[in-house]
Amino acid sequence: MSFITIVTVSVWLLWAAPSQADEPLWLCHQADGSEIYTTDPGALKDCKQYTPPAGITQAPDLDKDRTFRDQPRKSYEKFPPQERRSEEKPKPKGEIDFEKFRMLDTGMTEAEILTRVGDPKHVFRFGRNIERWVYTTPDEWLIEITFLSGRASNIDWYRPRP
């Protein structure tokens, strides 16, 4: 950028900024009970000039105020692994919940789907670029995701007949 361009832009910014800051802010109450803040109350009724409440909050100076530094640190206990495992029931491979299924969409990559729902129960390959992954749900629905060149091109779900 040339020196003239920088000076021109700087002068323009300095000239434009005060004109916007000098406009008063108006608070207008509507008939439905809502409020609108505006710089041009023109056709609006029941408007009063708004002045924000004064007062600046400063963060405490940690070097001068020792109350923050002198407090004991909290220690958090981690749950022993055996307690967590007893609460969680391991899911069978390829099983996903309906909430996770809802997050799937066509156009997603294989990596995105693996990250969201995990490994499939079955993988079928049709040639070099076509794959079909099969998942199940706890209530016995089948979900088939067809990939074309690494992206989900179709997602089908159905309940097989008994």
C-alpha atoms as a PDB file:
ATOM      1  CA  MET A   1       0.000   0.000   0.000  1.00  0.00           C
ATOM      2  CA  SER A   2       1.212   3.447  -0.723  1.00  0.00           C
ATOM      3  CA  PHE A   3       1.653   6.128   1.884  1.00  0.00           C
ATOM      4  CA  ILE A   4      -1.127   8.233   0.349  1.00  0.00           C
ATOM      5  CA  THR A   5      -3.613   5.337   0.582  1.00  0.00           C
ATOM      6  CA  ILE A   6      -2.798   4.751   4.243  1.00  0.00           C
ATOM      7  CA  VAL A   7      -3.171   8.446   5.090  1.00  0.00           C
ATOM      8  CA  THR A   8      -6.464   8.681   3.147  1.00  0.00           C
ATOM      9  CA  VAL A   9      -7.972   5.647   4.901  1.00  0.00           C
ATOM     10  CA  SER A  10      -6.802   6.893   8.322  1.00  0.00           C
ATOM     11  CA  VAL A  11      -8.320  10.354   7.783  1.00  0.00           C
ATOM     12  CA  TRP A  12     -11.573   8.808   6.554  1.00  0.00           C
ATOM     13  CA  LEU A  13     -11.817   6.535   9.629  1.00  0.00           C
ATOM     14  CA  LEU A  14     -11.090   9.377  12.031  1.00  0.00           C
ATOM     15  CA  TRP A  15     -13.607  11.637  10.302  1.00  0.00           C
ATOM     16  CA  ALA A  16     -16.394   8.981  10.152  1.00  0.00           C
ATOM     17  CA  ALA A  17     -16.105   7.622  13.710  1.00  0.00           C
ATOM     18  CA  PRO A  18     -17.104  10.726  15.725  1.00  0.00           C
ATOM     19  CA  SER A  19     -20.186  11.396  13.613  1.00  0.00           C
ATOM     20  CA  GLN A  20     -21.677   8.013  14.543  1.00  0.00           C
ATOM     21  CA  ALA A  21     -20.730   8.288  18.208  1.00  0.00           C
ATOM     22  CA  ASP A  22     -22.361  11.727  18.574  1.00  0.00           C
ATOM     23  CA  GLU A  23     -25.844  10.480  17.641  1.00  0.00           C
ATOM     24  CA  PRO A  24     -28.022   9.945  20.719  1.00  0.00           C
ATOM     25  CA  LEU A  25     -29.505   6.548  21.406  1.00  0.00           C
ATOM     26  CA  TRP A  26     -33.292   6.354  21.913  1.00  0.00           C
ATOM     27  CA  LEU A  27     -35.313   3.746  23.798  1.00  0.00           C
ATOM     28  CA  CYS A  28     -38.803   3.346  22.316  1.00  0.00           C
ATOM     29  CA  HIS A  29     -41.598   1.315  23.965  1.00  0.00           C
ATOM     30  CA  GLN A  30     -43.909  -0.509  21.546  1.00  0.00           C
ATOM     31  CA  ALA A  31     -47.637  -1.220  21.920  1.00  0.00           C
ATOM     32  CA  ASP A  32     -46.976  -4.964  22.312  1.00  0.00           C
ATOM     33  CA  GLY A  33     -44.684  -4.318  25.300  1.00  0.00           C
ATOM     34  CA  SER A  34     -41.385  -4.755  23.475  1.00  0.00           C
ATOM     35  CA  GLU A  35     -38.604  -2.174  23.437  1.00  0.00           C
ATOM     36  CA  ILE A  36     -36.482  -0.929  20.546  1.00  0.00           C
ATOM     37  CA  TYR A  37     -33.158   0.898  20.726  1.00  0.00           C
ATOM     38  CA  THR A  38     -32.613   3.223  17.772  1.00  0.00           C
ATOM     39  CA  THR A  39     -30.676   6.298  16.660  1.00  0.00           C
ATOM     40  CA  ASP A  40     -33.615   7.592  14.593  1.00  0.00           C
ATOM     41  CA  PRO A  41     -36.918   7.597  16.542  1.00  0.00           C
ATOM     42  CA  GLY A  42     -38.706   9.315  13.608  1.00  0.00           C
ATOM     43  CA  ALA A  43     -42.123   7.568  13.330  1.00  0.00           C
ATOM     44  CA  LEU A  44     -41.869   5.660  16.621  1.00  0.00           C
ATOM     45  CA  LYS A  45     -43.908   6.780  19.623  1.00  0.00           C
ATOM     46  CA  ASP A  46     -43.110   6.862  23.335  1.00  0.00           C
ATOM     47  CA  CYS A  47     -39.344   7.340  22.900  1.00  0.00           C
ATOM     48  CA  LYS A  48     -36.909   8.639  25.500  1.00  0.00           C
ATOM     49  CA  GLN A  49     -33.255   9.374  25.057  1.00  0.00           C
ATOM     50  CA  TYR A  50     -31.261   6.491  26.518  1.00  0.00           C
ATOM     51  CA  THR A  51     -28.118   7.000  28.508  1.00  0.00           C
ATOM     52  CA  PRO A  52     -26.299   3.848  29.551  1.00  0.00           C
ATOM     53  CA  PRO A  53     -25.635   3.454  33.263  1.00  0.00           C
ATOM     54  CA  ALA A  54     -22.289   4.903  34.281  1.00  0.00           C
ATOM     55  CA  GLY A  55     -19.697   2.867  35.987  1.00  0.00           C
ATOM     56  CA  ILE A  56     -16.754   0.888  34.821  1.00  0.00           C
ATOM     57  CA  THR A  57     -15.966  -2.406  36.420  1.00  0.00           C
ATOM     58  CA  GLN A  58     -12.311  -3.181  36.854  1.00  0.00           C
ATOM     59  CA  ALA A  59     -10.825  -6.583  37.373  1.00  0.00           C
ATOM     60  CA  PRO A  60      -9.101  -6.973  40.731  1.00  0.00           C
ATOM     61  CA  ASP A  61      -5.341  -6.558  40.807  1.00  0.00           C
ATOM     62  CA  LEU A  62      -4.159 -10.013  41.795  1.00  0.00           C
ATOM     63  CA  ASP A  63      -0.786  -8.770  43.039  1.00  0.00           C
ATOM     64  CA  LYS A  64      -2.335  -6.305  45.504  1.00  0.00           C
ATOM     65  CA  ASP A  65      -5.404  -8.329  46.457  1.00  0.00           C
ATOM     66  CA  ARG A  66      -4.136 -11.534  48.022  1.00  0.00           C
ATOM     67  CA  THR A  67      -7.568 -13.034  48.682  1.00  0.00           C
ATOM     68  CA  PHE A  68      -7.481 -14.848  45.347  1.00  0.00           C
ATOM     69  CA  ARG A  69      -3.964 -16.202  45.766  1.00  0.00           C
ATOM     70  CA  ASP A  70      -4.357 -17.252  49.408  1.00  0.00           C
ATOM     71  CA  GLN A  71      -7.401 -19.440  48.834  1.00  0.00           C
ATOM     72  CA  PRO A  72      -6.635 -23.160  48.855  1.00  0.00           C
ATOM     73  CA  ARG A  73      -6.889 -24.872  45.507  1.00  0.00           C
ATOM     74  CA  LYS A  74      -9.699 -27.331  45.085  1.00  0.00           C
ATOM     75  CA  SER A  75      -8.754 -30.859  44.250  1.00  0.00           C
ATOM     76  CA  TYR A  76     -11.118 -32.933  42.211  1.00  0.00           C
ATOM     77  CA  GLU A  77     -11.286 -36.652  42.724  1.00  0.00           C
ATOM     78  CA  LYS A  78     -11.430 -38.808  39.666  1.00  0.00           C
ATOM     79  CA  PHE A  79     -13.851 -41.699  39.658  1.00  0.00           C
ATOM     80  CA  PRO A  80     -12.119 -45.041  39.809  1.00  0.00           C
ATOM     81  CA  PRO A  81     -12.432 -46.804  36.443  1.00  0.00           C
ATOM     82  CA  GLN A  82     -14.293 -49.813  37.880  1.00  0.00           C
ATOM     83  CA  GLU A  83     -17.109 -47.603  39.240  1.00  0.00           C
ATOM     84  CA  ARG A  84     -17.681 -45.939  35.866  1.00  0.00           C
ATOM     85  CA  ARG A  85     -17.625 -49.235  34.019  1.00  0.00           C
ATOM     86  CA  SER A  86     -20.254 -50.734  36.301  1.00  0.00           C
ATOM     87  CA  GLU A  87     -22.691 -47.895  35.487  1.00  0.00           C
ATOM     88  CA  GLU A  88     -22.169 -47.955  31.722  1.00  0.00           C
ATOM     89  CA  LYS A  89     -23.292 -50.905  29.702  1.00  0.00           C
ATOM     90  CA  PRO A  90     -21.012 -51.560  26.744  1.00  0.00           C
ATOM     91  CA  LYS A  91     -22.787 -51.291  23.416  1.00  0.00           C
ATOM     92  CA  PRO A  92     -22.454 -54.019  20.841  1.00  0.00           C
ATOM     93  CA  LYS A  93     -20.289 -53.155  17.834  1.00  0.00           C
ATOM     94  CA  GLY A  94     -22.242 -51.268  15.193  1.00  0.00           C
ATOM     95  CA  GLU A  95     -25.130 -50.220  17.435  1.00  0.00           C
ATOM     96  CA  ILE A  96     -26.128 -46.551  17.534  1.00  0.00           C
ATOM     97  CA  ASP A  97     -28.836 -44.583  19.309  1.00  0.00           C
ATOM     98  CA  PHE A  98     -31.538 -42.713  17.414  1.00  0.00           C
ATOM     99  CA  GLU A  99     -30.149 -39.357  18.624  1.00  0.00           C
ATOM    100  CA  LYS A 100     -26.783 -40.122  17.013  1.00  0.00           C
ATOM    101  CA  PHE A 101     -28.498 -41.375  13.856  1.00  0.00           C
ATOM    102  CA  ARG A 102     -30.287 -38.020  13.527  1.00  0.00           C
ATOM    103  CA  MET A 103     -26.916 -36.253  13.318  1.00  0.00           C
ATOM    104  CA  LEU A 104     -25.964 -38.122  10.137  1.00  0.00           C
ATOM    105  CA  ASP A 105     -26.434 -36.495   6.752  1.00  0.00           C
ATOM    106  CA  THR A 106     -25.548 -37.174   3.145  1.00  0.00           C
ATOM    107  CA  GLY A 107     -22.319 -35.556   2.027  1.00  0.00           C
ATOM    108  CA  MET A 108     -20.495 -36.433   5.255  1.00  0.00           C
ATOM    109  CA  THR A 109     -17.132 -38.152   4.938  1.00  0.00           C
ATOM    110  CA  GLU A 110     -16.376 -41.604   6.297  1.00  0.00           C
ATOM    111  CA  ALA A 111     -14.221 -40.017   9.014  1.00  0.00           C
ATOM    112  CA  GLU A 112     -17.056 -37.741  10.165  1.00  0.00           C
ATOM    113  CA  ILE A 113     -19.446 -40.679  10.471  1.00  0.00           C
ATOM    114  CA  LEU A 114     -16.870 -42.826  12.275  1.00  0.00           C
ATOM    115  CA  THR A 115     -16.292 -39.982  14.726  1.00  0.00           C
ATOM    116  CA  ARG A 116     -19.997 -39.492  15.437  1.00  0.00           C
ATOM    117  CA  VAL A 117     -21.294 -43.075  15.612  1.00  0.00           C
ATOM    118  CA  GLY A 118     -18.270 -45.410  15.647  1.00  0.00           C
ATOM    119  CA  ASP A 119     -17.482 -48.521  13.663  1.00  0.00           C
ATOM    120  CA  PRO A 120     -20.248 -50.220  11.649  1.00  0.00           C
ATOM    121  CA  LYS A 121     -21.516 -53.724  12.312  1.00  0.00           C
ATOM    122  CA  HIS A 122     -20.944 -54.786   8.688  1.00  0.00           C
ATOM    123  CA  VAL A 123     -19.077 -53.269   5.731  1.00  0.00           C
ATOM    124  CA  PHE A 124     -19.886 -54.285   2.134  1.00  0.00           C
ATOM    125  CA  ARG A 125     -17.652 -53.187  -0.753  1.00  0.00           C
ATOM    126  CA  PHE A 126     -18.949 -52.920  -4.324  1.00  0.00           C
ATOM    127  CA  GLY A 127     -15.994 -52.133  -6.572  1.00  0.00           C
ATOM    128  CA  ARG A 128     -13.351 -49.525  -5.737  1.00  0.00           C
ATOM    129  CA  ASN A 129     -15.474 -46.504  -4.840  1.00  0.00           C
ATOM    130  CA  ILE A 130     -18.717 -47.854  -3.369  1.00  0.00           C
ATOM    131  CA  GLU A 131     -19.185 -49.090   0.198  1.00  0.00           C
ATOM    132  CA  ARG A 132     -22.237 -49.777   2.341  1.00  0.00           C
ATOM    133  CA  TRP A 133     -22.000 -49.654   6.125  1.00  0.00           C
ATOM    134  CA  VAL A 134     -24.691 -51.297   8.229  1.00  0.00           C
ATOM    135  CA  TYR A 135     -25.572 -50.232  11.779  1.00  0.00           C
ATOM    136  CA  THR A 136     -28.318 -51.409  14.127  1.00  0.00           C
ATOM    137  CA  THR A 137     -30.346 -49.604  16.790  1.00  0.00           C
ATOM    138  CA  PRO A 138     -31.389 -50.983  20.194  1.00  0.00           C
ATOM    139  CA  ASP A 139     -34.992 -51.331  18.933  1.00  0.00           C
ATOM    140  CA  GLU A 140     -33.907 -53.503  15.948  1.00  0.00           C
ATOM    141  CA  TRP A 141     -33.877 -50.987  13.110  1.00  0.00           C
ATOM    142  CA  LEU A 142     -31.220 -51.303  10.422  1.00  0.00           C
ATOM    143  CA  ILE A 143     -29.374 -48.252   9.138  1.00  0.00           C
ATOM    144  CA  GLU A 144     -27.505 -48.517   5.852  1.00  0.00           C
ATOM    145  CA  ILE A 145     -25.126 -45.776   4.764  1.00  0.00           C
ATOM    146  CA  THR A 146     -23.911 -45.932   1.167  1.00  0.00           C
ATOM    147  CA  PHE A 147     -20.622 -44.213   0.390  1.00  0.00           C
ATOM    148  CA  LEU A 148     -19.559 -43.112  -3.055  1.00  0.00           C
ATOM    149  CA  SER A 149     -15.891 -42.065  -3.256  1.00  0.00           C
ATOM    150  CA  GLY A 150     -15.621 -41.597   0.517  1.00  0.00           C
ATOM    151  CA  ARG A 151     -18.777 -39.476   1.031  1.00  0.00           C
ATOM    152  CA  ALA A 152     -22.211 -40.606   2.242  1.00  0.00           C
ATOM    153  CA  SER A 153     -24.486 -40.563  -0.796  1.00  0.00           C
ATOM    154  CA  ASN A 154     -27.522 -42.321   0.716  1.00  0.00           C
ATOM    155  CA  ILE A 155     -28.790 -43.145   4.211  1.00  0.00           C
ATOM    156  CA  ASP A 156     -31.582 -45.712   4.534  1.00  0.00           C
ATOM    157  CA  TRP A 157     -33.272 -47.005   7.670  1.00  0.00           C
ATOM    158  CA  TYR A 158     -35.829 -49.763   7.952  1.00  0.00           C
ATOM    159  CA  ARG A 159     -37.078 -52.478  10.228  1.00  0.00           C
ATOM    160  CA  PRO A 160     -36.705 -55.954   8.726  1.00  0.00           C
ATOM    161  CA  ARG A 161     -39.690 -58.244   8.743  1.00  0.00           C
ATOM    162  CA  PRO A 162     -39.676 -61.030  11.366  1.00  0.00           C
END
